[in-house]
């Protein structure tokens, strides 16, 4: 899929050949580009002042679920690590890992945590993929597992099963949405060719590359 837009916290910048330019009521342009390769597209952007940015979102063409946010997310660390942030009530610090590579089992536990005070003290979490909702936790539906970490932090979790029929296999994308906040998780399932590789996980997202 082609990249459509990069979102720096709440600033939307459209991706063109050599620049990303704002399409809202302010002027901002940053160097960025996307290149078509044999297996798909790869995009890159040069971002200054990263110490003031919490979340980078990459929006792709036709890479969406109706009514939900399906951007591929990257969260930027500062000297204090992933501090709680007023822009997002989802907490990446407690939702790790955000990348799972060479998963040799047929199932995997996925986590997503929120800060209650930033979510207006409302529990409304959905963990989903392109083809199904894996779990929800809200006033009416409570299909996610739930664990209270402290008075202001709640962790939700579910187990997903490998689906060789999904269109991105062996990769799979899982998303968590809550009260306008969002986070993505990328999974690469081990195939027969690499089944001898030990599964390992990473806590951050590299520059996304989508077929």
Protein backbone atom coordinates (compact mmCIF):
# COMPACT_ATOMS: atom_id res chain seq x y z
CA UNK A 1 0.00 0.00 0.00
CA UNK A 2 1.09 3.58 -0.65
CA UNK A 3 1.57 5.96 2.24
CA UNK A 4 -0.99 8.77 2.31
CA UNK A 5 -0.16 10.89 5.34
CA UNK A 6 2.13 11.24 8.34
CA UNK A 7 0.61 12.48 11.60
CA UNK A 8 2.89 14.18 14.14
CA UNK A 9 0.81 14.06 17.31
CA UNK A 10 -2.24 15.99 16.00
CA UNK A 11 -0.65 17.57 12.89
CA UNK A 12 -1.55 15.95 9.58
CA UNK A 13 0.97 16.19 6.73
CA UNK A 14 0.27 14.76 3.28
CA UNK A 15 3.07 12.76 1.70
CA UNK A 16 4.19 13.84 -1.78
CA UNK A 17 7.26 12.95 -3.84
CA UNK A 18 9.86 14.76 -1.71
CA UNK A 19 7.97 16.62 1.02
CA UNK A 20 5.27 16.17 3.63
CA UNK A 21 3.08 19.25 3.81
CA UNK A 22 0.32 20.22 6.22
CA UNK A 23 -3.23 20.18 4.94
CA UNK A 24 -4.72 21.93 7.95
CA UNK A 25 -4.84 25.58 9.02
CA UNK A 26 -1.12 26.01 9.56
CA UNK A 27 2.01 25.84 7.44
CA UNK A 28 4.54 23.09 7.97
CA UNK A 29 6.70 21.17 5.53
CA UNK A 30 9.24 18.46 6.32
CA UNK A 31 11.48 16.42 3.99
CA UNK A 32 9.97 13.00 3.37
CA UNK A 33 9.65 10.52 0.56
CA UNK A 34 8.27 7.16 -0.34
CA UNK A 35 9.75 4.71 -2.78
CA UNK A 36 8.21 1.78 -4.55
CA UNK A 37 10.16 -1.42 -4.17
CA UNK A 38 9.59 -4.92 -5.45
CA UNK A 39 7.73 -5.95 -2.31
CA UNK A 40 5.82 -2.69 -1.75
CA UNK A 41 6.52 0.86 -0.57
CA UNK A 42 8.93 2.23 2.00
CA UNK A 43 8.60 5.75 3.43
CA UNK A 44 10.92 7.97 5.43
CA UNK A 45 10.69 11.43 6.98
CA UNK A 46 13.18 13.84 8.53
CA UNK A 47 11.63 15.19 11.72
CA UNK A 48 13.20 17.96 13.82
CA UNK A 49 12.34 18.73 17.42
CA UNK A 50 11.53 15.12 18.21
CA UNK A 51 11.81 15.86 21.92
CA UNK A 52 8.47 17.67 21.57
CA UNK A 53 6.74 14.84 19.70
CA UNK A 54 5.07 11.91 21.43
CA UNK A 55 3.51 9.92 18.59
CA UNK A 56 4.09 9.51 14.86
CA UNK A 57 1.32 7.91 12.83
CA UNK A 58 1.59 6.63 9.26
CA UNK A 59 -1.66 6.49 7.30
CA UNK A 60 -1.85 4.27 4.24
CA UNK A 61 -4.25 4.20 1.32
CA UNK A 62 -7.00 1.57 1.68
CA UNK A 63 -5.50 0.50 5.01
CA UNK A 64 -8.47 1.16 7.25
CA UNK A 65 -11.44 -0.15 9.17
CA UNK A 66 -14.66 1.84 9.06
CA UNK A 67 -15.06 4.09 12.09
CA UNK A 68 -11.66 3.16 13.58
CA UNK A 69 -8.11 4.56 13.49
CA UNK A 70 -5.64 2.21 11.80
CA UNK A 71 -2.46 4.25 11.55
CA UNK A 72 0.87 2.51 12.05
CA UNK A 73 2.27 4.17 15.15
CA UNK A 74 5.72 5.00 16.45
CA UNK A 75 6.23 6.50 19.92
CA UNK A 76 9.27 8.66 20.57
CA UNK A 77 11.27 8.27 23.77
CA UNK A 78 12.59 11.21 25.75
CA UNK A 79 15.06 11.15 28.64
CA UNK A 80 12.28 10.16 31.01
CA UNK A 81 11.12 7.36 28.72
CA UNK A 82 7.50 7.09 27.64
CA UNK A 83 5.90 9.47 30.07
CA UNK A 84 2.15 9.75 30.33
CA UNK A 85 1.04 12.23 27.70
CA UNK A 86 -1.99 14.47 27.44
CA UNK A 87 -2.35 13.61 23.73
CA UNK A 88 -3.07 9.94 24.32
CA UNK A 89 -4.90 8.02 26.99
CA UNK A 90 -3.35 4.80 25.63
CA UNK A 91 -0.03 4.08 27.33
CA UNK A 92 2.58 2.43 25.08
CA UNK A 93 4.85 1.81 28.09
CA UNK A 94 2.42 -0.78 29.46
CA UNK A 95 1.35 -2.13 26.05
CA UNK A 96 4.74 -3.53 24.98
CA UNK A 97 5.92 -5.19 22.87
CA UNK A 98 4.60 -3.31 19.85
CA UNK A 99 6.47 -5.57 17.42
CA UNK A 100 6.55 -9.36 17.53
CA UNK A 101 8.93 -11.06 15.09
CA UNK A 102 9.13 -14.70 14.02
CA UNK A 103 6.33 -15.87 16.31
CA UNK A 104 6.58 -19.66 16.23
CA UNK A 105 3.42 -20.43 18.20
CA UNK A 106 -0.07 -20.33 16.69
CA UNK A 107 -1.37 -17.80 19.20
CA UNK A 108 -0.15 -14.63 20.87
CA UNK A 109 -1.22 -12.44 23.80
CA UNK A 110 -1.81 -8.78 22.89
CA UNK A 111 -1.92 -5.96 25.47
CA UNK A 112 -3.19 -2.39 25.51
CA UNK A 113 -3.16 -0.10 28.56
CA UNK A 114 -4.93 3.18 29.25
CA UNK A 115 -4.60 6.03 31.72
CA UNK A 116 -8.08 6.44 33.19
CA UNK A 117 -7.77 10.13 34.03
CA UNK A 118 -6.83 10.94 30.40
CA UNK A 119 -9.73 8.80 29.13
CA UNK A 120 -12.28 10.84 31.12
CA UNK A 121 -12.47 7.85 33.51
CA UNK A 122 -14.32 5.96 30.78
CA UNK A 123 -13.29 2.43 29.87
CA UNK A 124 -13.96 2.09 26.14
CA UNK A 125 -11.27 -0.08 24.56
CA UNK A 126 -11.36 -2.02 21.31
CA UNK A 127 -8.60 -4.35 20.09
CA UNK A 128 -9.15 -5.32 16.46
CA UNK A 129 -7.68 -6.27 13.11
CA UNK A 130 -8.80 -5.79 9.53
CA UNK A 131 -11.15 -8.75 9.54
CA UNK A 132 -12.45 -8.97 13.10
CA UNK A 133 -12.73 -7.41 16.54
CA UNK A 134 -10.62 -9.46 18.92
CA UNK A 135 -12.11 -7.99 22.09
CA UNK A 136 -13.84 -4.97 23.59
CA UNK A 137 -14.16 -3.54 27.06
CA UNK A 138 -16.89 -0.98 27.64
CA UNK A 139 -20.09 -0.52 29.60
CA UNK A 140 -21.98 -3.12 27.55
CA UNK A 141 -19.30 -5.57 26.38
CA UNK A 142 -16.45 -7.00 28.41
CA UNK A 143 -14.64 -9.54 26.25
CA UNK A 144 -11.08 -8.28 26.93
CA UNK A 145 -9.14 -9.48 29.91
CA UNK A 146 -8.63 -6.68 32.42
CA UNK A 147 -5.89 -6.01 35.00
CA UNK A 148 -5.60 -2.95 37.25
CA UNK A 149 -1.94 -1.86 37.42
CA UNK A 150 -2.51 1.12 39.69
CA UNK A 151 -5.33 3.53 40.52
CA UNK A 152 -4.97 5.31 37.17
CA UNK A 153 -3.69 2.57 34.83
CA UNK A 154 -5.66 -0.39 33.50
CA UNK A 155 -4.33 -3.09 31.17
CA UNK A 156 -6.54 -4.94 28.68
CA UNK A 157 -5.47 -8.08 26.89
CA UNK A 158 -6.60 -10.82 24.57
CA UNK A 159 -5.15 -13.79 22.71
CA UNK A 160 -5.16 -13.84 18.92
CA UNK A 161 -4.65 -16.85 16.68
CA UNK A 162 -2.55 -17.04 13.53
CA UNK A 163 -4.65 -16.67 10.38
CA UNK A 164 -2.82 -17.74 7.24
CA UNK A 165 -5.71 -16.36 5.16
CA UNK A 166 -5.16 -12.72 6.13
CA UNK A 167 -3.99 -10.63 3.17
CA UNK A 168 -0.72 -9.51 4.79
CA UNK A 169 0.35 -12.96 6.03
CA UNK A 170 2.88 -13.73 7.46
CA UNK A 171 2.53 -10.19 8.82
CA UNK A 172 -0.52 -9.16 10.80
CA UNK A 173 -1.58 -5.77 12.16
CA UNK A 174 -3.55 -5.36 15.37
CA UNK A 175 -4.90 -2.01 16.57
CA UNK A 176 -6.09 -0.62 19.88
CA UNK A 177 -8.47 2.35 19.99
CA UNK A 178 -9.79 4.16 23.06
CA UNK A 179 -11.49 7.56 23.29
CA UNK A 180 -9.77 8.87 20.15
CA UNK A 181 -6.36 7.48 21.10
CA UNK A 182 -4.74 4.73 19.08
CA UNK A 183 -1.83 2.31 18.90
CA UNK A 184 -0.71 -0.34 16.41
CA UNK A 185 0.96 -3.70 16.97
CA UNK A 186 2.80 -5.55 14.23
CA UNK A 187 3.17 -9.34 14.23
CA UNK A 188 5.25 -11.51 11.93
CA UNK A 189 4.27 -15.15 12.20
CA UNK A 190 6.98 -17.73 11.59
CA UNK A 191 6.45 -19.74 8.40
CA UNK A 192 7.65 -23.23 7.51
CA UNK A 193 10.78 -21.68 6.00
CA UNK A 194 11.86 -20.04 9.23
CA UNK A 195 10.22 -22.30 11.80
CA UNK A 196 13.63 -23.08 13.25
CA UNK A 197 14.13 -19.44 14.23
CA UNK A 198 13.43 -18.65 17.85
CA UNK A 199 10.68 -16.08 18.23
CA UNK A 200 11.73 -12.77 19.65
CA UNK A 201 10.11 -9.43 20.24
CA UNK A 202 10.96 -5.79 19.89
CA UNK A 203 9.49 -2.88 21.77
CA UNK A 204 9.46 -0.31 18.98
CA UNK A 205 8.33 0.07 15.41
CA UNK A 206 10.85 0.59 12.58
CA UNK A 207 10.07 2.62 9.48
CA UNK A 208 6.96 0.81 8.26
CA UNK A 209 7.03 -1.19 5.05
CA UNK A 210 3.72 -2.46 3.73
CA UNK A 211 3.07 -4.73 0.78
